[in-house]
């Protein structure tokens, strides 16, 4: 668990999954964090590939800030998908924009000073754009094809 996706500390739990095709569980003690990282150290017949089909988190408590994930919040990103250059339209000029990749690594963090912001993403992939305003936090997915 991590609150910033950079400092991970020690693992909260570890478990062994056997190749059976049957649902398996790893239970871990209550922990607080914003990011959850899974890592696999394994091999089967000298093949070190690992895959995860489905992850369910249970017992997740509500956070204190609201998260708005709808199209009613007047935030737009275009074009999307993009070649790396996109424009973010915001409802106000006060707040913060954060862009992370799917690994949770911080790509961009900037205070909003205008209702329009140009974003340049250099690598292909999927990114999460988080806009924090006085109304809460809004999330958008951006796909970059280069």
Protein backbone atom coordinates (compact mmCIF):
# COMPACT_ATOMS: atom_id res chain seq x y z
CA UNK A 1 0.00 0.00 0.00
CA UNK A 2 1.15 3.50 -0.72
CA UNK A 3 -0.32 6.97 -0.39
CA UNK A 4 1.85 8.48 -3.15
CA UNK A 5 2.71 5.54 -5.50
CA UNK A 6 6.43 6.14 -4.87
CA UNK A 7 7.10 5.04 -1.29
CA UNK A 8 5.79 1.49 -0.91
CA UNK A 9 7.17 0.38 2.47
CA UNK A 10 6.87 -3.27 3.43
CA UNK A 11 4.31 -5.68 2.02
CA UNK A 12 1.04 -5.92 3.96
CA UNK A 13 0.51 -9.52 2.88
CA UNK A 14 1.93 -12.33 0.84
CA UNK A 15 0.36 -15.48 -0.44
CA UNK A 16 0.88 -18.42 -2.70
CA UNK A 17 -1.46 -19.19 -5.57
CA UNK A 18 -1.37 -22.63 -7.07
CA UNK A 19 -2.21 -23.15 -10.73
CA UNK A 20 -5.65 -24.72 -10.27
CA UNK A 21 -8.20 -22.46 -11.95
CA UNK A 22 -10.08 -22.28 -8.64
CA UNK A 23 -10.76 -18.96 -6.91
CA UNK A 24 -8.04 -18.26 -4.36
CA UNK A 25 -7.70 -15.65 -1.60
CA UNK A 26 -5.05 -13.65 0.20
CA UNK A 27 -6.24 -11.98 3.38
CA UNK A 28 -4.36 -9.07 4.85
CA UNK A 29 -4.75 -6.80 7.87
CA UNK A 30 -6.44 -3.42 7.70
CA UNK A 31 -4.20 -0.94 5.92
CA UNK A 32 -4.60 2.61 4.65
CA UNK A 33 -3.38 3.81 1.28
CA UNK A 34 -4.39 5.21 -2.07
CA UNK A 35 -2.46 2.78 -4.28
CA UNK A 36 -2.30 -0.99 -4.16
CA UNK A 37 0.51 -2.80 -5.98
CA UNK A 38 0.56 -6.48 -6.86
CA UNK A 39 3.84 -8.16 -7.61
CA UNK A 40 4.48 -11.74 -8.59
CA UNK A 41 7.65 -13.69 -8.06
CA UNK A 42 6.94 -16.97 -9.73
CA UNK A 43 7.70 -19.42 -12.43
CA UNK A 44 6.07 -22.55 -13.76
CA UNK A 45 8.04 -24.87 -15.99
CA UNK A 46 10.72 -22.14 -16.35
CA UNK A 47 8.05 -19.68 -17.55
CA UNK A 48 8.00 -16.53 -15.40
CA UNK A 49 4.82 -14.97 -16.82
CA UNK A 50 2.03 -14.15 -14.42
CA UNK A 51 -1.53 -13.04 -15.00
CA UNK A 52 -4.40 -11.90 -12.85
CA UNK A 53 -7.91 -12.43 -14.14
CA UNK A 54 -9.98 -10.68 -11.47
CA UNK A 55 -9.31 -8.82 -8.25
CA UNK A 56 -11.99 -8.13 -5.65
CA UNK A 57 -11.27 -5.92 -2.67
CA UNK A 58 -13.58 -6.39 0.28
CA UNK A 59 -13.91 -4.32 3.40
CA UNK A 60 -12.87 -1.11 1.66
CA UNK A 61 -14.04 1.83 3.74
CA UNK A 62 -15.36 5.04 2.23
CA UNK A 63 -12.85 7.84 1.79
CA UNK A 64 -13.46 11.30 3.20
CA UNK A 65 -13.36 13.11 -0.15
CA UNK A 66 -15.97 12.73 -2.83
CA UNK A 67 -15.05 11.22 -6.16
CA UNK A 68 -17.16 12.26 -9.13
CA UNK A 69 -16.89 9.96 -12.13
CA UNK A 70 -19.62 11.15 -14.47
CA UNK A 71 -20.02 13.33 -17.51
CA UNK A 72 -22.09 15.90 -15.62
CA UNK A 73 -19.02 17.63 -14.11
CA UNK A 74 -18.23 19.76 -17.20
CA UNK A 75 -14.74 18.33 -17.73
CA UNK A 76 -13.73 17.35 -21.26
CA UNK A 77 -10.57 15.93 -22.79
CA UNK A 78 -10.14 15.95 -26.55
CA UNK A 79 -9.10 14.30 -28.72
CA UNK A 80 -9.34 11.01 -26.90
CA UNK A 81 -7.80 8.68 -28.02
CA UNK A 82 -4.90 10.98 -28.84
CA UNK A 83 -1.41 10.94 -30.32
CA UNK A 84 -0.10 12.48 -27.10
CA UNK A 85 -1.36 16.04 -27.46
CA UNK A 86 -4.74 16.74 -25.88
CA UNK A 87 -6.70 19.61 -24.40
CA UNK A 88 -8.42 19.59 -21.05
CA UNK A 89 -11.48 21.84 -20.60
CA UNK A 90 -12.25 22.64 -16.96
CA UNK A 91 -15.28 24.16 -15.21
CA UNK A 92 -13.14 26.66 -13.26
CA UNK A 93 -9.63 28.04 -13.10
CA UNK A 94 -9.03 26.88 -9.52
CA UNK A 95 -7.87 23.39 -8.65
CA UNK A 96 -5.21 20.83 -9.43
CA UNK A 97 -4.68 18.45 -12.35
CA UNK A 98 -2.77 15.22 -11.82
CA UNK A 99 -1.92 12.68 -14.53
CA UNK A 100 -0.79 9.15 -13.62
CA UNK A 101 -0.11 6.10 -15.72
CA UNK A 102 -1.81 2.76 -15.05
CA UNK A 103 1.02 1.83 -12.68
CA UNK A 104 0.12 4.82 -10.52
CA UNK A 105 3.31 6.70 -11.41
CA UNK A 106 2.96 10.47 -11.38
CA UNK A 107 3.38 11.93 -14.88
CA UNK A 108 2.14 15.49 -14.33
CA UNK A 109 0.88 17.58 -11.43
CA UNK A 110 -0.10 21.18 -11.99
CA UNK A 111 -2.20 23.88 -10.36
CA UNK A 112 -5.02 25.05 -12.60
CA UNK A 113 -4.73 28.70 -13.67
CA UNK A 114 -7.06 28.67 -16.68
CA UNK A 115 -10.16 26.82 -17.86
CA UNK A 116 -8.13 25.26 -20.70
CA UNK A 117 -4.97 23.19 -20.29
CA UNK A 118 -2.88 21.48 -22.95
CA UNK A 119 -1.41 18.14 -21.94
CA UNK A 120 1.55 16.46 -23.68
CA UNK A 121 2.00 12.71 -23.04
CA UNK A 122 5.11 11.22 -24.62
CA UNK A 123 4.46 7.46 -24.42
CA UNK A 124 1.67 5.25 -25.71
CA UNK A 125 -0.57 3.89 -22.99
CA UNK A 126 -3.54 4.57 -20.75
CA UNK A 127 -3.45 7.50 -18.36
CA UNK A 128 -5.74 8.68 -15.58
CA UNK A 129 -6.37 12.43 -15.41
CA UNK A 130 -7.55 13.56 -11.99
CA UNK A 131 -9.05 17.03 -11.57
CA UNK A 132 -9.45 18.24 -7.99
CA UNK A 133 -11.71 21.25 -7.48
CA UNK A 134 -13.87 22.58 -4.65
CA UNK A 135 -16.61 20.15 -5.84
CA UNK A 136 -14.43 17.07 -5.37
CA UNK A 137 -12.29 14.90 -7.62
CA UNK A 138 -13.17 13.94 -11.19
CA UNK A 139 -11.37 11.21 -13.10
CA UNK A 140 -10.95 10.70 -16.83
CA UNK A 141 -9.15 8.00 -18.81
CA UNK A 142 -6.95 9.10 -21.72
CA UNK A 143 -5.63 6.66 -24.32
CA UNK A 144 -2.43 7.60 -26.17
CA UNK A 145 -1.47 5.91 -29.45
CA UNK A 146 1.92 6.88 -30.88
